């Protein structure tokens, strides 16, 4: 079973930037649909962005134009570049992977992003 490990979270001021990384343990990473979710305080987990193995991306309306999802299949890693961060982006960010072959679904442990002055 693939394991996902996020990194890159932290404390940032409003209008700042962070880049999250999610490293997968599976060499079949190229056969995975990947996504980033987040869960803010007192809120439900929501989809932030996703990327297919063909590079097709999706963004939630709240992050369009500010966040960019990308993947490097050779490094088994998916990224989330977050620019112009807002306090409402404060949340635990989770990496999600779903195999196109087995439909296996895996979550990372989450990384905290706090946007505050």
N, C-alpha and C. Protein backbone atom coordinates (compact mmCIF):
# COMPACT_ATOMS: atom_id res chain seq x y z
N UNK A 1 0.85 -1.19 0.00
CA UNK A 1 0.00 0.00 0.00
C UNK A 1 0.89 1.24 0.00
N UNK A 2 0.51 2.22 -0.83
CA UNK A 2 1.30 3.43 -0.91
C UNK A 2 1.19 4.22 0.38
N UNK A 3 2.26 4.87 0.76
CA UNK A 3 2.25 5.79 1.89
C UNK A 3 2.54 7.19 1.37
N UNK A 4 1.84 8.17 1.95
CA UNK A 4 1.99 9.55 1.54
C UNK A 4 2.49 10.37 2.72
N UNK A 5 3.52 11.17 2.49
CA UNK A 5 4.10 11.99 3.56
C UNK A 5 4.16 13.43 3.09
N UNK A 6 3.41 14.30 3.80
CA UNK A 6 3.39 15.72 3.46
C UNK A 6 4.49 16.47 4.20
N UNK A 7 4.89 17.58 3.61
CA UNK A 7 5.83 18.49 4.26
C UNK A 7 5.61 19.88 3.69
N UNK A 8 6.16 20.87 4.39
CA UNK A 8 6.12 22.23 3.87
C UNK A 8 5.16 23.17 4.55
N UNK A 9 4.37 22.67 5.49
CA UNK A 9 3.45 23.55 6.20
C UNK A 9 4.19 24.47 7.16
N UNK A 10 3.42 25.39 7.75
CA UNK A 10 4.03 26.31 8.70
C UNK A 10 3.19 27.54 8.90
N UNK A 11 3.80 28.53 9.53
CA UNK A 11 3.15 29.81 9.81
C UNK A 11 3.62 30.83 8.77
N UNK A 12 2.68 31.53 8.17
CA UNK A 12 3.00 32.53 7.16
C UNK A 12 2.09 33.72 7.32
N UNK A 13 2.57 34.89 6.96
CA UNK A 13 1.75 36.10 7.06
C UNK A 13 0.80 36.18 5.86
N UNK A 14 -0.29 36.88 6.01
CA UNK A 14 -1.20 37.08 4.87
C UNK A 14 -0.45 37.65 3.67
N UNK A 15 -0.85 37.19 2.50
CA UNK A 15 -0.21 37.53 1.22
C UNK A 15 1.11 36.80 1.01
N UNK A 16 1.50 35.95 1.96
CA UNK A 16 2.72 35.18 1.79
C UNK A 16 2.49 33.93 0.97
N UNK A 17 3.57 33.14 0.83
CA UNK A 17 3.53 31.92 0.02
C UNK A 17 4.12 30.74 0.78
N UNK A 18 3.62 29.56 0.43
CA UNK A 18 4.17 28.30 0.93
C UNK A 18 4.06 27.27 -0.18
N UNK A 19 4.95 26.29 -0.16
CA UNK A 19 4.83 25.16 -1.09
C UNK A 19 4.77 23.87 -0.27
N UNK A 20 3.69 23.16 -0.44
CA UNK A 20 3.53 21.85 0.19
C UNK A 20 4.03 20.76 -0.76
N UNK A 21 4.61 19.75 -0.17
CA UNK A 21 5.05 18.59 -0.94
C UNK A 21 4.43 17.33 -0.35
N UNK A 22 4.18 16.36 -1.20
CA UNK A 22 3.65 15.07 -0.77
C UNK A 22 4.43 13.99 -1.50
N UNK A 23 5.22 13.26 -0.75
CA UNK A 23 6.05 12.21 -1.34
C UNK A 23 5.37 10.86 -1.16
N UNK A 24 5.31 10.10 -2.25
CA UNK A 24 4.68 8.78 -2.23
C UNK A 24 5.74 7.70 -2.21
N UNK A 25 5.42 6.61 -1.51
CA UNK A 25 6.39 5.52 -1.38
C UNK A 25 6.32 4.53 -2.53
N UNK A 26 5.27 4.66 -3.35
CA UNK A 26 5.01 3.66 -4.38
C UNK A 26 5.60 4.05 -5.72
N UNK A 27 6.29 3.14 -6.34
CA UNK A 27 6.88 3.44 -7.65
C UNK A 27 5.84 3.51 -8.75
N UNK A 28 4.59 3.11 -8.45
CA UNK A 28 3.50 3.23 -9.42
C UNK A 28 2.79 4.57 -9.30
N UNK A 29 3.47 5.55 -8.75
CA UNK A 29 2.89 6.87 -8.52
C UNK A 29 2.25 7.44 -9.77
N UNK A 30 2.84 7.15 -10.92
CA UNK A 30 2.32 7.65 -12.19
C UNK A 30 0.94 7.12 -12.53
N UNK A 31 0.47 6.13 -11.80
CA UNK A 31 -0.85 5.56 -12.02
C UNK A 31 -1.84 5.97 -10.94
N UNK A 32 -1.53 7.08 -10.29
CA UNK A 32 -2.38 7.58 -9.22
C UNK A 32 -2.97 8.93 -9.58
N UNK A 33 -4.25 9.09 -9.26
CA UNK A 33 -4.90 10.39 -9.19
C UNK A 33 -4.49 10.99 -7.85
N UNK A 34 -4.08 12.27 -7.86
CA UNK A 34 -3.60 12.91 -6.65
C UNK A 34 -4.39 14.18 -6.36
N UNK A 35 -4.51 14.49 -5.09
CA UNK A 35 -5.27 15.68 -4.72
C UNK A 35 -4.79 16.21 -3.38
N UNK A 36 -5.13 17.47 -3.13
CA UNK A 36 -4.93 18.09 -1.83
C UNK A 36 -6.31 18.46 -1.28
N UNK A 37 -6.53 18.10 -0.02
CA UNK A 37 -7.71 18.50 0.73
C UNK A 37 -7.25 19.35 1.91
N UNK A 38 -8.20 20.03 2.52
CA UNK A 38 -7.88 20.76 3.75
C UNK A 38 -9.08 20.74 4.69
N UNK A 39 -8.77 20.88 5.95
CA UNK A 39 -9.81 20.95 6.97
C UNK A 39 -9.48 22.06 7.94
N UNK A 40 -10.27 23.13 7.87
CA UNK A 40 -10.08 24.25 8.75
C UNK A 40 -10.74 24.03 10.09
N UNK A 41 -10.45 24.89 11.07
CA UNK A 41 -11.05 24.74 12.41
C UNK A 41 -12.57 24.77 12.34
N UNK A 42 -13.18 23.73 12.87
CA UNK A 42 -14.64 23.67 12.90
C UNK A 42 -15.30 23.46 11.56
N UNK A 43 -14.51 23.09 10.55
CA UNK A 43 -15.07 22.90 9.21
C UNK A 43 -14.90 21.46 8.75
N UNK A 44 -15.65 21.11 7.70
CA UNK A 44 -15.48 19.79 7.11
C UNK A 44 -14.28 19.79 6.15
N UNK A 45 -13.76 18.61 5.91
CA UNK A 45 -12.66 18.49 4.96
C UNK A 45 -13.18 18.82 3.56
N UNK A 46 -12.40 19.62 2.81
CA UNK A 46 -12.82 20.02 1.49
C UNK A 46 -11.69 19.82 0.49
N UNK A 47 -12.09 19.57 -0.76
CA UNK A 47 -11.13 19.42 -1.85
C UNK A 47 -10.59 20.79 -2.24
N UNK A 48 -9.27 20.88 -2.31
CA UNK A 48 -8.62 22.13 -2.69
C UNK A 48 -8.21 22.09 -4.16
N UNK A 49 -7.52 21.02 -4.55
CA UNK A 49 -7.03 20.90 -5.92
C UNK A 49 -6.74 19.44 -6.21
N UNK A 50 -6.80 19.08 -7.49
CA UNK A 50 -6.49 17.71 -7.88
C UNK A 50 -5.77 17.71 -9.22
N UNK A 51 -5.10 16.58 -9.50
CA UNK A 51 -4.37 16.44 -10.75
C UNK A 51 -4.40 14.99 -11.19
N UNK A 52 -4.74 14.76 -12.45
CA UNK A 52 -4.76 13.40 -12.97
C UNK A 52 -3.35 12.99 -13.39
N UNK A 53 -3.20 11.74 -13.75
CA UNK A 53 -1.87 11.30 -14.21
C UNK A 53 -1.54 11.88 -15.58
N UNK A 54 -2.53 12.44 -16.23
CA UNK A 54 -2.29 13.13 -17.50
C UNK A 54 -2.08 14.62 -17.35
N UNK A 55 -2.13 15.09 -16.11
CA UNK A 55 -1.85 16.50 -15.85
C UNK A 55 -3.06 17.42 -15.87
N UNK A 56 -4.24 16.85 -15.93
CA UNK A 56 -5.45 17.68 -15.89
C UNK A 56 -5.70 18.11 -14.45
N UNK A 57 -5.91 19.39 -14.26
CA UNK A 57 -6.04 19.93 -12.91
C UNK A 57 -7.45 20.46 -12.64
N UNK A 58 -7.76 20.50 -11.36
CA UNK A 58 -9.02 21.08 -10.88
C UNK A 58 -8.68 21.91 -9.64
N UNK A 59 -9.39 23.05 -9.50
CA UNK A 59 -9.20 23.90 -8.32
C UNK A 59 -10.56 24.30 -7.75
N UNK A 60 -10.62 24.35 -6.44
CA UNK A 60 -11.78 24.93 -5.80
C UNK A 60 -11.83 26.42 -6.12
N UNK A 61 -13.02 26.95 -6.20
CA UNK A 61 -13.17 28.37 -6.54
C UNK A 61 -12.40 29.27 -5.58
N UNK A 62 -12.33 28.87 -4.33
CA UNK A 62 -11.70 29.71 -3.31
C UNK A 62 -10.19 29.85 -3.49
N UNK A 63 -9.58 28.98 -4.29
CA UNK A 63 -8.12 29.04 -4.44
C UNK A 63 -7.68 29.29 -5.88
N UNK A 64 -8.62 29.35 -6.80
CA UNK A 64 -8.28 29.58 -8.21
C UNK A 64 -7.49 30.86 -8.37
N UNK A 65 -6.41 30.78 -9.14
CA UNK A 65 -5.58 31.94 -9.39
C UNK A 65 -4.53 32.18 -8.32
N UNK A 66 -4.62 31.45 -7.20
CA UNK A 66 -3.65 31.62 -6.11
C UNK A 66 -2.82 30.35 -5.87
N UNK A 67 -3.45 29.20 -6.04
CA UNK A 67 -2.79 27.91 -5.78
C UNK A 67 -2.51 27.20 -7.09
N UNK A 68 -1.41 26.44 -7.11
CA UNK A 68 -1.08 25.62 -8.28
C UNK A 68 -0.68 24.23 -7.83
N UNK A 69 -1.34 23.23 -8.38
CA UNK A 69 -0.97 21.84 -8.11
C UNK A 69 -0.13 21.32 -9.26
N UNK A 70 0.88 20.53 -8.93
CA UNK A 70 1.73 19.94 -9.95
C UNK A 70 2.25 18.60 -9.44
N UNK A 71 2.80 17.82 -10.33
CA UNK A 71 3.34 16.52 -9.94
C UNK A 71 4.62 16.23 -10.70
N UNK A 72 5.51 15.50 -10.04
CA UNK A 72 6.74 15.04 -10.66
C UNK A 72 6.75 13.53 -10.49
N UNK A 73 6.35 12.81 -11.52
CA UNK A 73 6.21 11.37 -11.41
C UNK A 73 7.56 10.69 -11.18
N UNK A 74 8.63 11.27 -11.69
CA UNK A 74 9.96 10.67 -11.50
C UNK A 74 10.36 10.73 -10.03
N UNK A 75 9.88 11.76 -9.32
CA UNK A 75 10.19 11.91 -7.90
C UNK A 75 9.07 11.41 -7.00
N UNK A 76 8.01 10.88 -7.60
CA UNK A 76 6.86 10.36 -6.84
C UNK A 76 6.31 11.43 -5.90
N UNK A 77 6.20 12.64 -6.38
CA UNK A 77 5.83 13.74 -5.51
C UNK A 77 4.79 14.63 -6.18
N UNK A 78 3.85 15.11 -5.38
CA UNK A 78 2.88 16.10 -5.82
C UNK A 78 3.08 17.35 -4.96
N UNK A 79 2.90 18.50 -5.58
CA UNK A 79 3.15 19.77 -4.92
C UNK A 79 1.88 20.63 -4.91
N UNK A 80 1.83 21.54 -3.94
CA UNK A 80 0.80 22.56 -3.93
C UNK A 80 1.49 23.89 -3.63
N UNK A 81 1.63 24.70 -4.66
CA UNK A 81 2.19 26.04 -4.49
C UNK A 81 1.06 26.97 -4.10
N UNK A 82 1.19 27.61 -2.96
CA UNK A 82 0.14 28.48 -2.44
C UNK A 82 0.67 29.91 -2.35
N UNK A 83 0.07 30.79 -3.12
CA UNK A 83 0.45 32.21 -3.14
C UNK A 83 -0.69 33.06 -2.63
N UNK A 84 -0.36 34.27 -2.25
CA UNK A 84 -1.36 35.24 -1.75
C UNK A 84 -2.27 34.59 -0.72
N UNK A 85 -1.65 33.98 0.26
CA UNK A 85 -2.40 33.27 1.28
C UNK A 85 -3.25 34.22 2.12
N UNK A 86 -4.40 33.70 2.54
CA UNK A 86 -5.34 34.45 3.34
C UNK A 86 -5.56 33.75 4.68
N UNK A 87 -5.99 34.47 5.69
CA UNK A 87 -6.27 33.81 6.98
C UNK A 87 -7.25 32.64 6.84
N UNK A 88 -8.19 32.75 5.92
CA UNK A 88 -9.16 31.68 5.74
C UNK A 88 -8.57 30.43 5.08
N UNK A 89 -7.31 30.50 4.65
CA UNK A 89 -6.63 29.31 4.14
C UNK A 89 -6.04 28.48 5.27
N UNK A 90 -6.11 28.99 6.50
CA UNK A 90 -5.60 28.26 7.66
C UNK A 90 -6.34 26.94 7.80
N UNK A 91 -5.57 25.84 7.83
CA UNK A 91 -6.18 24.51 7.87
C UNK A 91 -5.07 23.47 7.97
N UNK A 92 -5.48 22.25 8.24
CA UNK A 92 -4.59 21.10 8.05
C UNK A 92 -4.78 20.64 6.61
N UNK A 93 -3.69 20.54 5.89
CA UNK A 93 -3.74 20.14 4.49
C UNK A 93 -3.33 18.67 4.37
N UNK A 94 -4.17 17.92 3.65
CA UNK A 94 -3.96 16.49 3.49
C UNK A 94 -3.72 16.14 2.02
N UNK A 95 -2.77 15.27 1.82
CA UNK A 95 -2.53 14.71 0.50
C UNK A 95 -3.38 13.46 0.34
N UNK A 96 -3.91 13.27 -0.86
CA UNK A 96 -4.79 12.13 -1.15
C UNK A 96 -4.35 11.49 -2.45
N UNK A 97 -4.32 10.17 -2.46
CA UNK A 97 -3.97 9.45 -3.67
C UNK A 97 -4.94 8.32 -3.93
N UNK A 98 -5.29 8.12 -5.19
CA UNK A 98 -6.21 7.04 -5.56
C UNK A 98 -5.67 6.33 -6.79
N UNK A 99 -5.49 5.01 -6.65
CA UNK A 99 -4.92 4.23 -7.75
C UNK A 99 -5.94 4.04 -8.87
N UNK A 100 -5.50 4.30 -10.11
CA UNK A 100 -6.35 4.03 -11.27
C UNK A 100 -6.49 2.53 -11.50
N UNK A 101 -5.55 1.75 -10.97
CA UNK A 101 -5.53 0.31 -11.23
C UNK A 101 -6.37 -0.46 -10.21
N UNK A 102 -6.15 -0.18 -8.92
CA UNK A 102 -6.80 -0.94 -7.85
C UNK A 102 -7.89 -0.17 -7.14
N UNK A 103 -8.01 1.13 -7.41
CA UNK A 103 -8.95 2.03 -6.72
C UNK A 103 -8.58 2.22 -5.25
N UNK A 104 -7.39 1.77 -4.85
CA UNK A 104 -6.95 1.97 -3.47
C UNK A 104 -6.83 3.46 -3.18
N UNK A 105 -7.31 3.88 -2.01
CA UNK A 105 -7.33 5.30 -1.63
C UNK A 105 -6.51 5.49 -0.37
N UNK A 106 -5.64 6.48 -0.40
CA UNK A 106 -4.72 6.69 0.70
C UNK A 106 -4.65 8.16 1.08
N UNK A 107 -4.57 8.43 2.38
CA UNK A 107 -4.42 9.79 2.91
C UNK A 107 -3.06 9.93 3.58
N UNK A 108 -2.50 11.12 3.47
CA UNK A 108 -1.33 11.45 4.24
C UNK A 108 -1.75 11.84 5.66
N UNK A 109 -0.76 12.16 6.50
CA UNK A 109 -1.05 12.46 7.90
C UNK A 109 -1.47 13.90 8.11
N UNK A 110 -1.25 14.73 7.12
CA UNK A 110 -1.63 16.14 7.21
C UNK A 110 -0.49 17.03 7.64
N UNK A 111 -0.55 18.27 7.17
CA UNK A 111 0.44 19.28 7.57
C UNK A 111 -0.31 20.59 7.84
N UNK A 112 0.04 21.24 8.93
CA UNK A 112 -0.67 22.45 9.36
C UNK A 112 -0.17 23.67 8.60
N UNK A 113 -1.11 24.44 8.09
CA UNK A 113 -0.81 25.74 7.49
C UNK A 113 -1.58 26.79 8.27
N UNK A 114 -0.87 27.77 8.79
CA UNK A 114 -1.48 28.85 9.56
C UNK A 114 -1.11 30.17 8.92
N UNK A 115 -2.14 30.94 8.56
CA UNK A 115 -1.93 32.24 7.94
C UNK A 115 -2.37 33.30 8.94
N UNK A 116 -1.41 34.03 9.45
CA UNK A 116 -1.72 35.00 10.50
C UNK A 116 -0.62 36.03 10.58
N UNK A 117 -1.03 37.25 10.94
CA UNK A 117 -0.04 38.31 11.13
C UNK A 117 0.37 38.39 12.60
